[in-house]
Amino acid sequence: MSFVDFLSLGPLITLCAASVIAMLLVAIWRNHRMVYSFAIIAFLMSMAAVIPAIKYIPHPVPPLLVIDEFSLFNTGLILTAGLIILLLSFNYFEEREERKEEYYMLLILATIGALVLVVSRHFMSLFLGLEILSISLYGLIAYLRARERSDEAGIKYLMLAALSSAFLLFGMALVYAFTGHMDFPGIGAALRQAGYLPVSVMAGFGMMLIGVGFKLGVVPFHMWAPDVYEGAPLPVAAFIATVSKGAMLVLLIRFYQDIQGNDYPMLWWMVAIIAVASMFAGNWLALTQQNIKRILAYSSIAHMGYILVAFLSGVQTGLEALAFYLVAYFITSIGAFGVVIVMSSSLQDAETVADYKGLFWRYPWVATVFTAMLLSLAGIPLTAGFIGKFYVVMAGVNGHQWFLLFMLAINSVIGLYYYIRLVATMFAVPVPGQQTTVVPALPMAGNITLGILTVLLIGLGVYPTAMMQLIQQMMRILS
């Protein structure tokens, strides 16, 4: 490995070293605050390692990885999201009876898997990153073993993830059998040289889509999402909803661009059907839920459908819209889960709609933050979610995707109902004798983190120009 390779892979190498040191710290001296502090330092150092890597982009690390503007931008996004989730985790686990230290080691390992996916340009690195991420999530999801739903959620995720990985591997084998390549550009070049898409490759893409669709939680591979979100610790659910899905989405973008997926109508229609089904299933199923975790799970399914509209637009503005929407989605989803985290106590999570009845009259700050996050998810003006959805619609218009835009508009109206229902519940005047039994923890660090997320949410909603200019510069590498 050359010195330039070392600098380019600095964020990844830093976290890999941190995972080993964290394991040694846990083995030598169990101390929750010490391991937590070390994890924060590790994430900050990894984020700092992005800066020297900028000087050498684009820099391929053949044959598996590529470091360019696109991968570094998303590396920074994933590290920032991981750090925020880490900040929200301390008080949540401090009050739990399980041993806490291994959680931070697993979180670092899961982030490493996500970073490998972001910089991948080869089937081998894709599968390696996916397995590092998945195996870490098995332990994270079932971490609170004293809870009845925790082990169930972990086992469900384990079984379905193993099945989806098998489909992914079989799909890779079929593609390799025809093209003779496992790197994305090589696959694209072989398909263009052939001039057609054979049945075996189409079947391979379909099987790969099953593996990718499972990680994204899109229909019909979404069955695990509500149960896993409900059974997993809240910070882990936030990680799955953002970092795990975001990393796989970034990989899908790179693969689709390298093979020029829009040149193959059958592949386009496969993704389009998944997008429409995800929007409808996610929103309709969320309407019937009384559990906040399950509502956010179904909401994330619908939002993956919205993102796929920009993905399928076939224009450069679609990729830019997708990147901005992903940033807004990260901020909003982590903020929504963050509210539930700070409202939860050591005895139970504040996960039912009834727990939030009259919240504004008891804890106005928390209710205001949650309202902002919900309105952003609904796409209301002055929030980052509105700007993200606006860019998605513009990309759809530029790509003449009128059918997908019509589906998006219908589902945005449907989704508005259950978001506004939660807001109305928080602002309802409490009835004496019907107070919730939940006693929130409301840690100072959690409240400060929520404040920062709210400022970012409103800031991007009011002034998105700076972020959009950065995204446009970053997306030139894929044009």
Protein backbone atom coordinates (compact mmCIF):
# COMPACT_ATOMS: atom_id res chain seq x y z
CA MET A 1 0.00 0.00 0.00
CA SER A 2 1.37 3.39 -0.99
CA PHE A 3 1.34 6.48 1.21
CA VAL A 4 -1.42 7.99 -0.93
CA ASP A 5 -3.51 4.82 -0.49
CA PHE A 6 -2.97 5.07 3.24
CA LEU A 7 -4.12 8.71 3.35
CA SER A 8 -7.08 8.06 1.06
CA LEU A 9 -8.29 5.21 3.27
CA GLY A 10 -7.56 7.18 6.45
CA PRO A 11 -11.16 7.28 7.77
CA LEU A 12 -11.55 3.54 7.30
CA ILE A 13 -8.15 2.65 8.76
CA THR A 14 -8.75 4.90 11.77
CA LEU A 15 -12.01 3.15 12.66
CA CYS A 16 -10.47 -0.30 12.10
CA ALA A 17 -7.68 0.55 14.56
CA ALA A 18 -10.26 1.99 16.97
CA SER A 19 -12.28 -1.24 16.94
CA VAL A 20 -9.22 -3.24 18.02
CA ILE A 21 -8.32 -0.74 20.75
CA ALA A 22 -11.92 -0.69 21.98
CA MET A 23 -11.85 -4.49 22.25
CA LEU A 24 -8.64 -4.31 24.31
CA LEU A 25 -10.09 -1.59 26.56
CA VAL A 26 -13.14 -3.72 27.28
CA ALA A 27 -10.94 -6.74 28.00
CA ILE A 28 -8.62 -4.82 30.34
CA TRP A 29 -11.01 -2.53 32.23
CA ARG A 30 -14.78 -2.31 31.96
CA ASN A 31 -15.80 1.31 32.25
CA HIS A 32 -18.82 2.61 30.35
CA ARG A 33 -17.82 6.27 30.32
CA MET A 34 -14.24 5.49 29.24
CA VAL A 35 -15.25 3.30 26.28
CA TYR A 36 -17.93 5.83 25.29
CA SER A 37 -15.39 8.68 25.37
CA PHE A 38 -12.92 6.63 23.33
CA ALA A 39 -15.60 5.90 20.71
CA ILE A 40 -16.34 9.62 20.36
CA ILE A 41 -12.62 10.36 19.90
CA ALA A 42 -12.38 7.58 17.30
CA PHE A 43 -15.25 9.01 15.26
CA LEU A 44 -13.83 12.54 15.46
CA MET A 45 -10.39 11.32 14.33
CA SER A 46 -11.96 9.39 11.47
CA MET A 47 -13.87 12.50 10.40
CA ALA A 48 -10.64 14.51 10.55
CA ALA A 49 -8.95 11.88 8.35
CA VAL A 50 -11.34 12.82 5.54
CA ILE A 51 -9.58 16.20 5.13
CA PRO A 52 -6.14 15.00 3.92
CA ALA A 53 -7.84 12.48 1.62
CA ILE A 54 -9.50 15.33 -0.30
CA LYS A 55 -6.12 16.37 -1.76
CA TYR A 56 -5.69 13.12 -3.68
CA ILE A 57 -9.17 12.53 -5.11
CA PRO A 58 -10.12 10.83 -7.30
CA HIS A 59 -7.87 7.99 -6.20
CA PRO A 60 -8.70 4.34 -7.03
CA VAL A 61 -7.37 1.58 -4.81
CA PRO A 62 -7.56 -1.23 -7.40
CA PRO A 63 -9.34 -3.47 -7.81
CA LEU A 64 -11.78 -3.15 -4.92
CA LEU A 65 -12.16 0.47 -3.83
CA VAL A 66 -12.35 4.00 -5.18
CA ILE A 67 -11.94 7.25 -3.24
CA ASP A 68 -13.55 10.23 -4.96
CA GLU A 69 -15.77 13.22 -4.17
CA PHE A 70 -18.85 11.01 -4.05
CA SER A 71 -17.41 8.47 -1.62
CA LEU A 72 -15.77 11.07 0.64
CA PHE A 73 -18.98 13.12 0.89
CA ASN A 74 -20.94 10.06 1.94
CA THR A 75 -18.14 8.90 4.23
CA GLY A 76 -18.44 12.21 6.07
CA LEU A 77 -22.23 11.89 6.16
CA ILE A 78 -22.11 8.37 7.63
CA LEU A 79 -19.45 9.30 10.20
CA THR A 80 -21.45 12.35 11.27
CA ALA A 81 -24.62 10.29 11.61
CA GLY A 82 -22.74 7.62 13.57
CA LEU A 83 -21.30 10.25 15.91
CA ILE A 84 -24.73 11.77 16.59
CA ILE A 85 -26.22 8.34 17.31
CA LEU A 86 -23.26 7.69 19.61
CA LEU A 87 -23.95 10.91 21.52
CA LEU A 88 -27.56 9.85 22.01
CA SER A 89 -26.54 6.39 23.23
CA PHE A 90 -24.74 7.02 26.52
CA ASN A 91 -27.67 7.87 28.78
CA TYR A 92 -29.89 5.32 27.06
CA PHE A 93 -27.52 2.45 27.90
CA GLU A 94 -26.28 3.89 31.21
CA GLU A 95 -29.67 3.16 32.76
CA ARG A 96 -29.93 -0.37 31.33
CA GLU A 97 -28.95 -3.48 33.22
CA GLU A 98 -26.90 -5.11 30.45
CA ARG A 99 -23.15 -4.65 30.05
CA LYS A 100 -22.74 -1.56 27.94
CA GLU A 101 -19.15 -1.54 26.68
CA GLU A 102 -19.49 -4.03 23.83
CA TYR A 103 -22.19 -1.88 22.26
CA TYR A 104 -19.64 0.77 21.24
CA MET A 105 -17.31 -1.81 19.73
CA LEU A 106 -20.17 -3.24 17.66
CA LEU A 107 -21.27 0.26 16.61
CA ILE A 108 -17.76 1.04 15.36
CA LEU A 109 -17.64 -2.25 13.44
CA ALA A 110 -21.05 -1.61 11.87
CA THR A 111 -19.87 1.84 10.76
CA ILE A 112 -16.75 0.24 9.23
CA GLY A 113 -19.01 -2.05 7.19
CA ALA A 114 -21.03 0.95 6.01
CA LEU A 115 -17.85 2.82 4.99
CA VAL A 116 -16.60 -0.19 3.00
CA LEU A 117 -19.90 -0.18 1.08
CA VAL A 118 -19.54 3.53 0.34
CA VAL A 119 -16.08 3.17 -1.24
CA SER A 120 -16.76 -0.17 -3.00
CA ARG A 121 -16.55 -0.68 -6.74
CA HIS A 122 -16.25 -4.47 -6.79
CA PHE A 123 -18.39 -7.46 -5.81
CA MET A 124 -15.80 -8.67 -3.28
CA SER A 125 -15.66 -5.41 -1.34
CA LEU A 126 -19.45 -5.10 -1.62
CA PHE A 127 -19.96 -8.47 0.06
CA LEU A 128 -17.22 -7.85 2.63
CA GLY A 129 -18.73 -4.52 3.69
CA LEU A 130 -22.24 -5.95 3.72
CA GLU A 131 -21.25 -8.85 5.99
CA ILE A 132 -19.28 -6.65 8.41
CA LEU A 133 -22.33 -4.41 8.68
CA SER A 134 -24.83 -7.27 8.98
CA ILE A 135 -22.94 -9.35 11.54
CA SER A 136 -22.46 -6.28 13.75
CA LEU A 137 -26.17 -5.52 13.50
CA TYR A 138 -27.08 -9.04 14.65
CA GLY A 139 -25.49 -8.30 18.02
CA LEU A 140 -26.70 -4.70 18.19
CA ILE A 141 -30.35 -5.55 17.52
CA ALA A 142 -30.46 -8.26 20.20
CA TYR A 143 -28.29 -6.29 22.64
CA LEU A 144 -30.93 -5.71 25.33
CA ARG A 145 -31.46 -9.40 25.97
CA ALA A 146 -33.62 -8.83 29.06
CA ARG A 147 -36.40 -7.56 26.80
CA GLU A 148 -38.77 -10.11 25.36
CA ARG A 149 -38.80 -8.66 21.82
CA SER A 150 -35.04 -8.12 21.55
CA ASP A 151 -33.97 -11.72 20.87
CA GLU A 152 -36.92 -12.19 18.52
CA ALA A 153 -35.89 -9.13 16.49
CA GLY A 154 -32.27 -10.30 16.33
CA ILE A 155 -33.19 -13.78 15.15
CA LYS A 156 -35.59 -12.45 12.50
CA TYR A 157 -32.94 -10.12 11.15
CA LEU A 158 -30.31 -12.89 11.21
CA MET A 159 -32.44 -15.35 9.25
CA LEU A 160 -33.67 -12.89 6.64
CA ALA A 161 -30.24 -11.25 6.23
CA ALA A 162 -28.63 -14.66 5.65
CA LEU A 163 -31.29 -15.51 3.06
CA SER A 164 -30.88 -12.18 1.26
CA SER A 165 -27.08 -12.58 1.23
CA ALA A 166 -27.51 -15.98 -0.45
CA PHE A 167 -29.62 -14.38 -3.20
CA LEU A 168 -27.05 -11.60 -3.56
CA LEU A 169 -24.18 -14.08 -3.98
CA PHE A 170 -26.09 -16.17 -6.53
CA GLY A 171 -26.93 -13.01 -8.47
CA MET A 172 -23.26 -11.96 -8.49
CA ALA A 173 -22.31 -15.41 -9.79
CA LEU A 174 -24.74 -15.14 -12.70
CA VAL A 175 -23.48 -11.68 -13.65
CA TYR A 176 -19.85 -12.82 -13.41
CA ALA A 177 -20.57 -15.92 -15.51
CA PHE A 178 -21.63 -13.76 -18.48
CA THR A 179 -19.42 -10.68 -18.15
CA GLY A 180 -16.23 -12.21 -16.70
CA HIS A 181 -15.87 -9.17 -14.43
CA MET A 182 -16.61 -8.42 -10.80
CA ASP A 183 -15.70 -4.73 -10.84
CA PHE A 184 -18.58 -2.40 -11.66
CA PRO A 185 -16.98 -0.54 -14.62
CA GLY A 186 -15.88 -3.87 -16.13
CA ILE A 187 -19.42 -5.25 -15.88
CA GLY A 188 -20.82 -2.13 -17.53
CA ALA A 189 -18.26 -2.29 -20.35
CA ALA A 190 -18.95 -5.99 -20.98
CA LEU A 191 -22.71 -5.41 -21.20
CA ARG A 192 -22.28 -2.48 -23.58
CA GLN A 193 -19.95 -4.55 -25.75
CA ALA A 194 -22.51 -7.36 -25.86
CA GLY A 195 -25.18 -4.88 -26.89
CA TYR A 196 -27.98 -6.67 -25.07
CA LEU A 197 -29.00 -7.88 -21.61
CA PRO A 198 -29.20 -11.70 -21.55
CA VAL A 199 -31.72 -13.57 -19.40
CA SER A 200 -28.99 -14.86 -17.07
CA VAL A 201 -27.74 -11.35 -16.31
CA MET A 202 -31.30 -10.09 -15.86
CA ALA A 203 -31.91 -12.93 -13.40
CA GLY A 204 -28.65 -12.06 -11.68
CA PHE A 205 -29.66 -8.42 -11.33
CA GLY A 206 -33.03 -9.53 -9.96
CA MET A 207 -31.38 -11.71 -7.30
CA MET A 208 -28.96 -8.94 -6.39
CA LEU A 209 -31.92 -6.61 -6.07
CA ILE A 210 -33.34 -8.93 -3.41
CA GLY A 211 -30.18 -8.57 -1.32
CA VAL A 212 -30.03 -4.82 -1.81
CA GLY A 213 -33.79 -4.42 -1.28
CA PHE A 214 -33.56 -6.21 2.06
CA LYS A 215 -30.98 -3.73 3.35
CA LEU A 216 -33.01 -0.79 2.05
CA GLY A 217 -36.18 -2.22 3.60
CA VAL A 218 -38.25 -1.70 0.44
CA VAL A 219 -41.34 -3.67 -0.56
CA PRO A 220 -41.57 -6.68 -0.82
CA PHE A 221 -38.43 -7.15 1.31
CA HIS A 222 -39.67 -4.98 4.18
CA MET A 223 -41.30 -7.55 6.47
CA TRP A 224 -38.46 -7.43 8.98
CA ALA A 225 -38.42 -3.66 9.45
CA PRO A 226 -41.30 -2.97 11.92
CA ASP A 227 -40.48 -5.95 14.17
CA VAL A 228 -36.75 -5.19 14.20
CA TYR A 229 -37.29 -1.48 14.87
CA GLU A 230 -39.65 -2.35 17.72
CA GLY A 231 -37.33 -4.92 19.32
CA ALA A 232 -33.98 -3.21 18.82
CA PRO A 233 -32.54 -0.58 21.19
CA LEU A 234 -33.60 2.87 20.01
CA PRO A 235 -30.09 4.07 18.97
CA VAL A 236 -29.68 0.86 16.95
CA ALA A 237 -33.04 1.43 15.23
CA ALA A 238 -31.84 4.94 14.33
CA PHE A 239 -28.61 3.47 12.94
CA ILE A 240 -30.47 0.94 10.79
CA ALA A 241 -32.87 3.60 9.49
CA THR A 242 -30.06 5.94 8.44
CA VAL A 243 -26.49 4.63 8.22
CA SER A 244 -27.31 1.06 7.13
CA LYS A 245 -29.81 2.12 4.48
CA GLY A 246 -27.77 5.12 3.38
CA ALA A 247 -24.61 3.08 2.77
CA MET A 248 -26.45 0.52 0.66
CA LEU A 249 -28.19 3.29 -1.30
CA VAL A 250 -24.83 4.93 -2.09
CA LEU A 251 -23.50 1.60 -3.34
CA LEU A 252 -26.61 1.09 -5.48
CA ILE A 253 -26.15 4.53 -7.05
CA ARG A 254 -22.55 3.78 -8.00
CA PHE A 255 -23.37 0.35 -9.44
CA TYR A 256 -26.37 1.67 -11.39
CA GLN A 257 -24.29 4.53 -12.84
CA ASP A 258 -21.32 2.32 -13.74
CA ILE A 259 -23.47 -0.16 -15.67
CA GLN A 260 -25.65 2.69 -17.07
CA GLY A 261 -28.79 1.07 -15.74
CA ASN A 262 -31.17 3.48 -17.44
CA ASP A 263 -30.22 1.86 -20.77
CA TYR A 264 -32.07 -1.31 -19.69
CA PRO A 265 -35.86 -0.74 -19.48
CA MET A 266 -36.54 -4.03 -17.70
CA LEU A 267 -34.17 -3.09 -14.88
CA TRP A 268 -35.76 0.37 -14.68
CA TRP A 269 -39.25 -1.11 -14.38
CA MET A 270 -38.17 -3.52 -11.65
CA VAL A 271 -36.95 -0.64 -9.50
CA ALA A 272 -39.95 1.54 -10.41
CA ILE A 273 -42.45 -1.12 -9.26
CA ILE A 274 -40.53 -1.47 -5.99
CA ALA A 275 -40.59 2.32 -5.53
CA VAL A 276 -44.36 2.62 -6.01
CA ALA A 277 -45.10 -0.41 -3.84
CA SER A 278 -42.84 0.95 -1.08
CA MET A 279 -44.59 4.31 -1.08
CA PHE A 280 -48.07 2.82 -0.82
CA ALA A 281 -47.28 -0.02 1.60
CA GLY A 282 -45.19 2.18 3.89
CA ASN A 283 -47.78 4.94 4.19
CA TRP A 284 -50.90 2.77 4.38
CA LEU A 285 -49.45 0.45 7.01
CA ALA A 286 -48.24 3.42 9.10
CA LEU A 287 -51.83 4.71 9.29
CA THR A 288 -52.90 1.80 11.49
CA GLN A 289 -50.01 1.85 13.97
CA GLN A 290 -50.07 3.00 17.59
CA ASN A 291 -46.36 2.31 18.21
CA ILE A 292 -43.92 5.13 17.38
CA LYS A 293 -41.14 2.73 16.42
CA ARG A 294 -43.36 0.92 13.94
CA ILE A 295 -44.64 4.22 12.53
CA LEU A 296 -41.05 5.35 11.92
CA ALA A 297 -40.25 1.94 10.39
CA TYR A 298 -43.09 2.16 7.87
CA SER A 299 -42.28 5.81 7.28
CA SER A 300 -38.70 4.86 6.34
CA ILE A 301 -40.07 2.34 3.83
CA ALA A 302 -42.14 5.08 2.19
CA HIS A 303 -39.18 7.47 2.13
CA MET A 304 -37.03 4.87 0.36
CA GLY A 305 -39.75 4.87 -2.30
CA TYR A 306 -39.51 8.67 -2.61
CA ILE A 307 -35.73 8.46 -2.94
CA LEU A 308 -36.03 5.88 -5.73
CA VAL A 309 -38.08 8.40 -7.77
CA ALA A 310 -35.01 10.64 -7.98
CA PHE A 311 -32.83 7.57 -8.54
CA LEU A 312 -34.88 6.58 -11.60
CA SER A 313 -35.15 10.06 -13.12
CA GLY A 314 -32.15 9.43 -15.36
CA VAL A 315 -30.90 13.02 -15.14
CA GLN A 316 -28.00 14.62 -13.27
CA THR A 317 -30.39 16.67 -11.14
CA GLY A 318 -31.87 13.38 -9.95
CA LEU A 319 -28.57 12.31 -8.37
CA GLU A 320 -28.21 15.74 -6.77
CA ALA A 321 -31.77 15.58 -5.43
CA LEU A 322 -31.14 12.10 -4.09
CA ALA A 323 -28.01 13.22 -2.22
CA PHE A 324 -29.77 16.21 -0.67
CA TYR A 325 -32.79 14.12 0.29
CA LEU A 326 -30.47 11.61 1.94
CA VAL A 327 -28.89 14.37 4.06
CA ALA A 328 -32.32 15.69 5.07
CA TYR A 329 -33.55 12.15 5.79
CA PHE A 330 -30.55 11.44 8.03
CA ILE A 331 -31.10 14.60 10.07
CA THR A 332 -34.85 14.08 10.37
CA SER A 333 -34.83 10.36 11.17
CA ILE A 334 -32.07 10.62 13.77
CA GLY A 335 -33.88 13.60 15.28
CA ALA A 336 -37.18 11.69 15.48
CA PHE A 337 -35.54 8.67 17.07
CA GLY A 338 -33.56 11.02 19.30
CA VAL A 339 -36.77 12.42 20.77
CA VAL A 340 -37.97 8.91 21.60
CA ILE A 341 -34.56 8.18 23.15
CA VAL A 342 -34.57 11.17 25.48
CA MET A 343 -38.19 10.46 26.41
CA SER A 344 -37.42 6.87 27.38
CA SER A 345 -36.57 5.78 30.92
CA SER A 346 -34.71 2.79 32.30
CA LEU A 347 -38.03 0.98 32.84
CA GLN A 348 -39.53 1.34 29.36
CA ASP A 349 -39.23 3.08 26.01
CA ALA A 350 -41.67 5.89 25.28
CA GLU A 351 -42.86 4.09 22.17
CA THR A 352 -46.65 4.34 22.10
CA VAL A 353 -48.66 7.25 20.72
CA ALA A 354 -50.45 7.52 24.09
CA ASP A 355 -47.12 8.33 25.78
CA TYR A 356 -47.00 11.60 23.83
CA LYS A 357 -50.51 12.81 24.58
CA GLY A 358 -50.31 16.38 25.86
CA LEU A 359 -46.50 16.33 25.65
CA PHE A 360 -46.35 20.02 24.73
CA TRP A 361 -47.93 21.01 28.03
CA ARG A 362 -45.43 18.93 30.03
CA TYR A 363 -42.20 19.22 28.01
CA PRO A 364 -42.64 21.99 25.39
CA TRP A 365 -39.03 21.83 24.16
CA VAL A 366 -39.16 18.12 23.34
CA ALA A 367 -42.60 18.46 21.72
CA THR A 368 -41.36 21.35 19.57
CA VAL A 369 -38.37 19.36 18.35
CA PHE A 370 -40.50 16.30 17.60
CA THR A 371 -43.00 18.49 15.74
CA ALA A 372 -40.20 19.92 13.58
CA MET A 373 -38.94 16.42 12.75
CA LEU A 374 -42.41 15.12 11.90
CA LEU A 375 -43.18 18.13 9.72
CA SER A 376 -39.90 17.57 7.89
CA LEU A 377 -40.81 13.93 7.29
CA ALA A 378 -44.13 15.15 5.92
CA GLY A 379 -42.36 17.66 3.64
CA ILE A 380 -43.75 20.88 5.13
CA PRO A 381 -42.05 24.18 4.07
CA LEU A 382 -39.18 25.70 6.11
CA THR A 383 -37.78 22.23 6.81
CA ALA A 384 -35.04 20.23 5.11
CA GLY A 385 -37.59 17.54 4.22
CA PHE A 386 -39.57 20.02 2.12
CA ILE A 387 -36.49 21.11 0.15
CA GLY A 388 -35.47 17.48 -0.34
CA LYS A 389 -38.89 16.52 -1.65
CA PHE A 390 -38.95 19.64 -3.86
CA TYR A 391 -35.65 18.63 -5.49
CA VAL A 392 -36.98 15.09 -6.00
CA VAL A 393 -40.08 16.45 -7.75
CA MET A 394 -37.95 18.73 -9.94
CA ALA A 395 -35.73 15.79 -10.89
CA GLY A 396 -38.83 13.78 -11.79
CA VAL A 397 -40.10 16.64 -13.95
CA ASN A 398 -36.73 16.96 -15.71
CA GLY A 399 -36.75 13.21 -16.32
CA HIS A 400 -40.43 13.23 -17.44
CA GLN A 401 -41.36 10.63 -14.82
CA TRP A 402 -44.98 11.75 -14.57
CA PHE A 403 -46.37 8.45 -13.34
CA LEU A 404 -43.86 8.23 -10.48
CA LEU A 405 -44.50 11.87 -9.57
CA PHE A 406 -48.24 11.24 -9.45
CA MET A 407 -47.66 8.31 -7.09
CA LEU A 408 -45.36 10.45 -4.96
CA ALA A 409 -47.96 13.23 -4.69
CA ILE A 410 -50.71 10.81 -3.62
CA ASN A 411 -48.52 9.20 -1.00
CA SER A 412 -47.30 12.52 0.36
CA VAL A 413 -50.95 13.35 1.15
CA ILE A 414 -51.49 9.95 2.77
CA GLY A 415 -48.33 10.29 4.86
CA LEU A 416 -49.34 13.75 6.00
CA TYR A 417 -52.23 12.25 7.99
CA TYR A 418 -50.26 10.12 10.43
CA TYR A 419 -47.58 12.77 10.92
CA ILE A 420 -50.18 15.42 11.73
CA ARG A 421 -52.00 12.93 13.96
CA LEU A 422 -48.87 12.66 16.13
CA VAL A 423 -48.48 16.44 16.23
CA ALA A 424 -52.12 16.85 17.24
CA THR A 425 -51.65 14.24 19.98
CA MET A 426 -48.73 16.18 21.46
CA PHE A 427 -50.64 19.46 21.47
CA ALA A 428 -53.89 17.98 22.84
CA VAL A 429 -54.89 19.33 26.26
CA PRO A 430 -54.26 16.51 28.78
CA VAL A 431 -57.27 15.11 30.60
CA PRO A 432 -56.84 14.67 34.39
CA GLY A 433 -56.46 11.02 35.30
CA GLN A 434 -55.24 10.03 31.84
CA GLN A 435 -51.59 11.01 32.24
CA THR A 436 -48.95 8.69 30.79
CA THR A 437 -46.98 6.54 33.19
CA VAL A 438 -43.71 7.14 31.30
CA VAL A 439 -41.14 9.13 33.26
CA PRO A 440 -38.67 10.52 30.69
CA ALA A 441 -34.93 10.65 31.32
CA LEU A 442 -34.36 13.92 29.36
CA PRO A 443 -30.52 13.87 29.54
CA MET A 444 -28.67 17.14 28.94
CA ALA A 445 -26.44 15.68 26.18
CA GLY A 446 -29.49 14.34 24.37
CA ASN A 447 -31.28 17.68 24.50
CA ILE A 448 -28.22 19.53 23.19
CA THR A 449 -27.89 17.02 20.32
CA LEU A 450 -31.56 17.47 19.46
CA GLY A 451 -31.06 21.23 19.45
CA ILE A 452 -28.21 20.93 16.95
CA LEU A 453 -30.28 18.66 14.72
CA THR A 454 -33.20 21.10 14.82
CA VAL A 455 -30.94 24.00 13.82
CA LEU A 456 -29.61 21.93 10.89
CA LEU A 457 -33.16 20.95 9.92
CA ILE A 458 -34.41 24.53 9.79
CA GLY A 459 -31.13 25.84 8.37
CA LEU A 460 -31.25 23.52 5.36
CA GLY A 461 -34.94 24.28 4.95
CA VAL A 462 -34.34 28.03 4.82
CA TYR A 463 -30.93 28.14 3.10
CA PRO A 464 -30.13 24.95 1.14
CA THR A 465 -27.82 26.66 -1.36
CA ALA A 466 -24.47 25.89 0.30
CA MET A 467 -25.27 22.20 0.73
CA MET A 468 -26.61 21.95 -2.82
CA GLN A 469 -23.47 23.55 -4.27
CA LEU A 470 -21.34 21.03 -2.39
CA ILE A 471 -23.49 18.19 -3.70
CA GLN A 472 -23.33 19.48 -7.29
CA GLN A 473 -19.53 19.58 -7.11
CA MET A 474 -19.47 16.09 -5.62
CA MET A 475 -21.85 14.62 -8.19
CA ARG A 476 -19.73 15.70 -11.20
CA ILE A 477 -17.64 12.57 -10.67
CA LEU A 478 -20.69 10.42 -11.58
CA SER A 479 -21.87 12.45 -14.55
